[in-house]
Amino acid sequence: MTDLSDVTARLHRLGGDAPAPTDETVRRDLARGRGASRRRALRVGTAGLTLAAVAGVGTAIAVSADRTPAPAPSIAAPSTGTTTDGPAPGGVQLVAYTGEQQPGFVVAKVPAGFVLEGATAYNLNVARAEDHSGLDVFEDKLVVMLESQSVTGEPEGAPVKVGEHDGWLRTVEGGTQVLTYDDGEHRVVVQAWKSLGLSDEQVIEFAAGVTVTAEAQAGVG
């Protein structure tokens, strides 16, 4: 650091005949010089901080741009109804039926998503809600009817129990399941189209929930 006496001596040597500056003049000149030096240092430091901040923002943007957005999680859709049996190989479940019943046959369970399409005096059709093919079409449906009066002899199929009643279950050409059982007053037939994907146990469980009413009639032929 420059001493005040050194500055005074230099001024004496350079000044010649000029009057020597006072100590107060020299002190003010030194104070102005130091102030200017501090202001320059402050500007340089502020500029460095600004550049560093800009560089930091640029880095953050670059890192963010390089990231690949994570895929949205898939949300699985909830099942409808209360399951009373495990899913069959095709994924169908039996649920309690709470809608309006049809004359001839009362049901306790239906496959999830199915409704009672309607009934005639001879059959009840259980179909998908969007199926309006008609009561004379049995394809892709569960159909309940009384065994034809023209049938004689014992039913064909493997012996099974439908609740407390004896039944016979067989699979006909095309894969359709046919369950025949005796409820004590009627010989009842349940036909489950293969495309429904019901297991044999589910067909039996459905049949165990069927009640025949006085409106049901057995066909002929």
Protein backbone atom coordinates (compact mmCIF):
# COMPACT_ATOMS: atom_id res chain seq x y z
CA MET A 1 0.00 0.00 0.00
CA THR A 2 1.36 3.50 -0.86
CA ASP A 3 2.25 5.55 2.26
CA LEU A 4 1.09 9.16 2.53
CA SER A 5 4.67 10.44 3.04
CA ASP A 6 5.86 8.69 -0.17
CA VAL A 7 3.18 10.41 -2.19
CA THR A 8 4.11 13.79 -0.76
CA ALA A 9 7.81 13.30 -1.58
CA ARG A 10 7.04 12.35 -5.20
CA LEU A 11 4.87 15.39 -5.67
CA HIS A 12 7.67 17.61 -4.38
CA ARG A 13 10.10 16.15 -6.91
CA LEU A 14 7.72 16.51 -9.90
CA GLY A 15 6.20 19.79 -9.03
CA GLY A 16 9.18 22.09 -9.49
CA ASP A 17 8.11 25.58 -8.55
CA ALA A 18 4.46 24.59 -8.15
CA PRO A 19 3.12 24.82 -4.62
CA ALA A 20 3.21 21.54 -2.69
CA PRO A 21 -0.21 19.91 -2.14
CA THR A 22 -1.50 19.82 1.35
CA ASP A 23 -1.93 16.60 3.30
CA GLU A 24 -5.75 16.98 3.05
CA THR A 25 -5.58 17.14 -0.78
CA VAL A 26 -3.50 13.99 -0.92
CA ARG A 27 -5.88 12.18 1.48
CA ARG A 28 -8.92 13.00 -0.68
CA ASP A 29 -7.14 11.81 -3.85
CA LEU A 30 -6.28 8.51 -2.22
CA ALA A 31 -9.87 8.03 -1.01
CA ARG A 32 -11.23 8.62 -4.53
CA GLY A 33 -8.76 6.13 -5.99
CA ARG A 34 -9.65 3.45 -3.50
CA GLY A 35 -13.38 4.00 -4.08
CA ALA A 36 -12.94 3.66 -7.85
CA SER A 37 -10.97 0.47 -7.36
CA ARG A 38 -13.73 -1.05 -5.17
CA ARG A 39 -16.42 -0.14 -7.71
CA ARG A 40 -14.47 -1.82 -10.55
CA ALA A 41 -14.02 -4.96 -8.44
CA LEU A 42 -17.75 -5.00 -7.62
CA ARG A 43 -18.72 -4.73 -11.32
CA VAL A 44 -16.38 -7.56 -12.27
CA GLY A 45 -17.72 -9.78 -9.49
CA THR A 46 -21.35 -9.07 -10.38
CA ALA A 47 -20.70 -9.85 -14.05
CA GLY A 48 -19.09 -13.16 -13.08
CA LEU A 49 -22.08 -14.12 -10.93
CA THR A 50 -24.49 -13.25 -13.75
CA LEU A 51 -22.60 -15.39 -16.26
CA ALA A 52 -22.48 -18.27 -13.80
CA ALA A 53 -26.22 -18.02 -13.20
CA VAL A 54 -26.95 -17.99 -16.94
CA ALA A 55 -24.66 -20.98 -17.44
CA GLY A 56 -26.44 -22.82 -14.63
CA VAL A 57 -29.88 -22.20 -16.17
CA GLY A 58 -28.65 -23.39 -19.55
CA THR A 59 -27.35 -26.59 -17.99
CA ALA A 60 -30.64 -27.25 -16.21
CA ILE A 61 -32.61 -26.77 -19.42
CA ALA A 62 -30.31 -29.07 -21.36
CA VAL A 63 -30.60 -31.83 -18.75
CA SER A 64 -34.39 -31.50 -18.66
CA ALA A 65 -34.64 -31.63 -22.44
CA ASP A 66 -32.64 -34.86 -22.58
CA ARG A 67 -35.05 -36.70 -20.27
CA THR A 68 -37.63 -38.98 -21.85
CA PRO A 69 -41.06 -38.55 -20.18
CA ALA A 70 -42.16 -41.66 -18.27
CA PRO A 71 -45.17 -43.42 -19.82
CA ALA A 72 -48.49 -42.86 -18.11
CA PRO A 73 -49.46 -45.79 -15.87
CA SER A 74 -52.11 -47.95 -17.19
CA ILE A 75 -55.13 -48.17 -15.03
CA ALA A 76 -56.96 -51.24 -14.88
CA ALA A 77 -60.90 -51.10 -15.29
CA PRO A 78 -62.91 -52.28 -12.21
CA SER A 79 -65.02 -55.43 -12.45
CA THR A 80 -68.80 -55.21 -12.07
CA GLY A 81 -71.03 -57.26 -9.85
CA THR A 82 -70.22 -59.51 -6.92
CA THR A 83 -68.31 -62.58 -7.96
CA THR A 84 -69.74 -65.82 -6.66
CA ASP A 85 -67.40 -68.08 -8.54
CA GLY A 86 -63.86 -67.76 -9.83
CA PRO A 87 -63.29 -66.76 -13.44
CA ALA A 88 -63.64 -69.46 -16.06
CA PRO A 89 -60.82 -70.06 -18.57
CA GLY A 90 -62.41 -67.40 -20.79
CA GLY A 91 -62.50 -64.89 -17.94
CA VAL A 92 -66.30 -64.98 -17.36
CA GLN A 93 -67.61 -64.68 -13.81
CA LEU A 94 -71.00 -65.49 -12.33
CA VAL A 95 -72.65 -62.69 -10.37
CA ALA A 96 -75.88 -62.38 -8.41
CA TYR A 97 -78.84 -61.33 -10.56
CA THR A 98 -80.96 -58.54 -9.06
CA GLY A 99 -83.03 -57.39 -12.05
CA GLU A 100 -86.60 -58.13 -13.08
CA GLN A 101 -87.41 -61.82 -13.53
CA GLN A 102 -89.16 -63.37 -16.53
CA PRO A 103 -92.19 -65.73 -16.45
CA GLY A 104 -91.41 -69.44 -16.51
CA PHE A 105 -87.94 -69.45 -14.94
CA VAL A 106 -86.41 -67.49 -12.07
CA VAL A 107 -82.60 -67.23 -11.95
CA ALA A 108 -80.28 -66.41 -9.05
CA LYS A 109 -77.03 -65.83 -11.01
CA VAL A 110 -75.93 -64.78 -14.48
CA PRO A 111 -72.56 -64.25 -16.17
CA ALA A 112 -71.20 -60.75 -15.50
CA GLY A 113 -72.45 -58.30 -18.12
CA PHE A 114 -75.42 -60.50 -19.12
CA VAL A 115 -79.14 -59.75 -18.82
CA LEU A 116 -82.37 -61.67 -19.23
CA GLU A 117 -83.13 -61.10 -22.90
CA GLY A 118 -86.65 -62.40 -22.41
CA ALA A 119 -88.73 -65.55 -22.25
CA THR A 120 -91.41 -67.46 -24.13
CA ALA A 121 -93.62 -70.15 -22.68
CA TYR A 122 -90.86 -72.65 -23.59
CA ASN A 123 -87.48 -71.00 -22.97
CA LEU A 124 -85.61 -68.24 -21.12
CA ASN A 125 -82.64 -66.57 -22.85
CA VAL A 126 -79.74 -65.05 -20.91
CA ALA A 127 -77.63 -62.90 -23.26
CA ARG A 128 -75.14 -60.07 -23.36
CA ALA A 129 -76.74 -56.68 -22.84
CA GLU A 130 -76.10 -55.62 -26.45
CA ASP A 131 -77.48 -58.86 -27.96
CA HIS A 132 -80.95 -58.33 -29.44
CA SER A 133 -80.96 -61.25 -31.86
CA GLY A 134 -84.32 -62.61 -30.66
CA LEU A 135 -85.67 -65.34 -28.41
CA ASP A 136 -85.59 -67.96 -31.18
CA VAL A 137 -81.79 -67.57 -31.51
CA PHE A 138 -79.74 -69.57 -28.97
CA GLU A 139 -76.24 -68.78 -30.28
CA ASP A 140 -73.89 -67.06 -27.77
CA LYS A 141 -76.46 -67.39 -24.98
CA LEU A 142 -77.47 -69.34 -21.91
CA VAL A 143 -80.86 -70.94 -22.53
CA VAL A 144 -83.15 -72.58 -19.96
CA MET A 145 -86.05 -74.80 -20.99
CA LEU A 146 -87.97 -77.89 -20.00
CA GLU A 147 -87.03 -81.13 -21.73
CA SER A 148 -89.20 -81.88 -24.74
CA GLN A 149 -92.16 -84.15 -24.14
CA SER A 150 -90.96 -86.24 -27.11
CA VAL A 151 -87.78 -87.33 -25.32
CA THR A 152 -87.85 -90.79 -23.73
CA GLY A 153 -85.24 -92.64 -21.73
CA GLU A 154 -82.46 -91.37 -19.50
CA PRO A 155 -80.47 -88.28 -20.44
CA GLU A 156 -76.98 -88.67 -21.86
CA GLY A 157 -73.87 -87.29 -20.20
CA ALA A 158 -71.66 -87.57 -17.15
CA PRO A 159 -73.58 -87.79 -13.83
CA VAL A 160 -73.37 -84.60 -11.77
CA LYS A 161 -75.14 -83.03 -8.82
CA VAL A 162 -77.13 -79.83 -9.30
CA GLY A 163 -77.67 -78.80 -5.73
CA GLU A 164 -79.40 -81.84 -4.26
CA HIS A 165 -80.73 -83.03 -7.61
CA ASP A 166 -79.32 -85.52 -10.09
CA GLY A 167 -78.08 -84.20 -13.38
CA TRP A 168 -76.20 -85.19 -16.54
CA LEU A 169 -73.70 -82.97 -18.31
CA ARG A 170 -72.43 -83.44 -21.85
CA THR A 171 -70.70 -81.44 -24.57
CA VAL A 172 -72.26 -81.65 -28.00
CA GLU A 173 -70.71 -81.01 -31.39
CA GLY A 174 -69.37 -77.46 -31.58
CA GLY A 175 -68.50 -77.38 -27.88
CA THR A 176 -71.87 -76.32 -26.48
CA GLN A 177 -72.51 -77.61 -22.94
CA VAL A 178 -75.88 -79.24 -22.27
CA LEU A 179 -76.92 -79.91 -18.68
CA THR A 180 -80.09 -81.87 -17.93
CA TYR A 181 -81.34 -82.32 -14.37
CA ASP A 182 -84.46 -83.41 -12.51
CA ASP A 183 -85.70 -80.89 -9.92
CA GLY A 184 -88.29 -83.31 -8.55
CA GLU A 185 -91.15 -82.01 -10.69
CA HIS A 186 -89.57 -81.15 -14.04
CA ARG A 187 -86.77 -82.28 -16.31
CA VAL A 188 -84.85 -79.02 -16.87
CA VAL A 189 -82.31 -78.40 -19.64
CA VAL A 190 -79.63 -75.67 -19.54
CA GLN A 191 -77.69 -75.01 -22.72
CA ALA A 192 -74.47 -72.91 -22.57
CA TRP A 193 -72.99 -71.85 -25.89
CA LYS A 194 -69.25 -72.53 -26.12
CA SER A 195 -68.38 -68.87 -26.87
CA LEU A 196 -69.50 -67.88 -23.36
CA GLY A 197 -66.39 -69.51 -21.89
CA LEU A 198 -68.17 -70.96 -18.85
CA SER A 199 -66.63 -73.91 -17.06
CA ASP A 200 -68.68 -77.05 -16.35
CA GLU A 201 -68.77 -76.05 -12.68
CA GLN A 202 -70.19 -72.64 -13.56
CA VAL A 203 -72.90 -74.16 -15.75
CA ILE A 204 -73.88 -76.41 -12.83
CA GLU A 205 -73.82 -73.45 -10.43
CA PHE A 206 -76.04 -71.41 -12.73
CA ALA A 207 -78.50 -74.31 -13.03
CA ALA A 208 -78.61 -74.72 -9.24
CA GLY A 209 -79.98 -71.16 -9.02
CA VAL A 210 -82.85 -71.76 -11.47
CA THR A 211 -86.43 -72.12 -10.21
CA VAL A 212 -89.16 -73.33 -12.53
CA THR A 213 -92.53 -71.56 -12.19
CA ALA A 214 -96.04 -72.57 -13.28
CA GLU A 215 -95.76 -70.54 -16.52
CA ALA A 216 -93.06 -72.81 -17.99
CA GLN A 217 -94.17 -75.32 -20.62
CA ALA A 218 -92.37 -78.26 -22.22
CA GLY A 219 -92.17 -78.24 -25.98
CA VAL A 220 -92.91 -81.12 -28.33
CA GLY A 221 -90.51 -82.40 -30.97
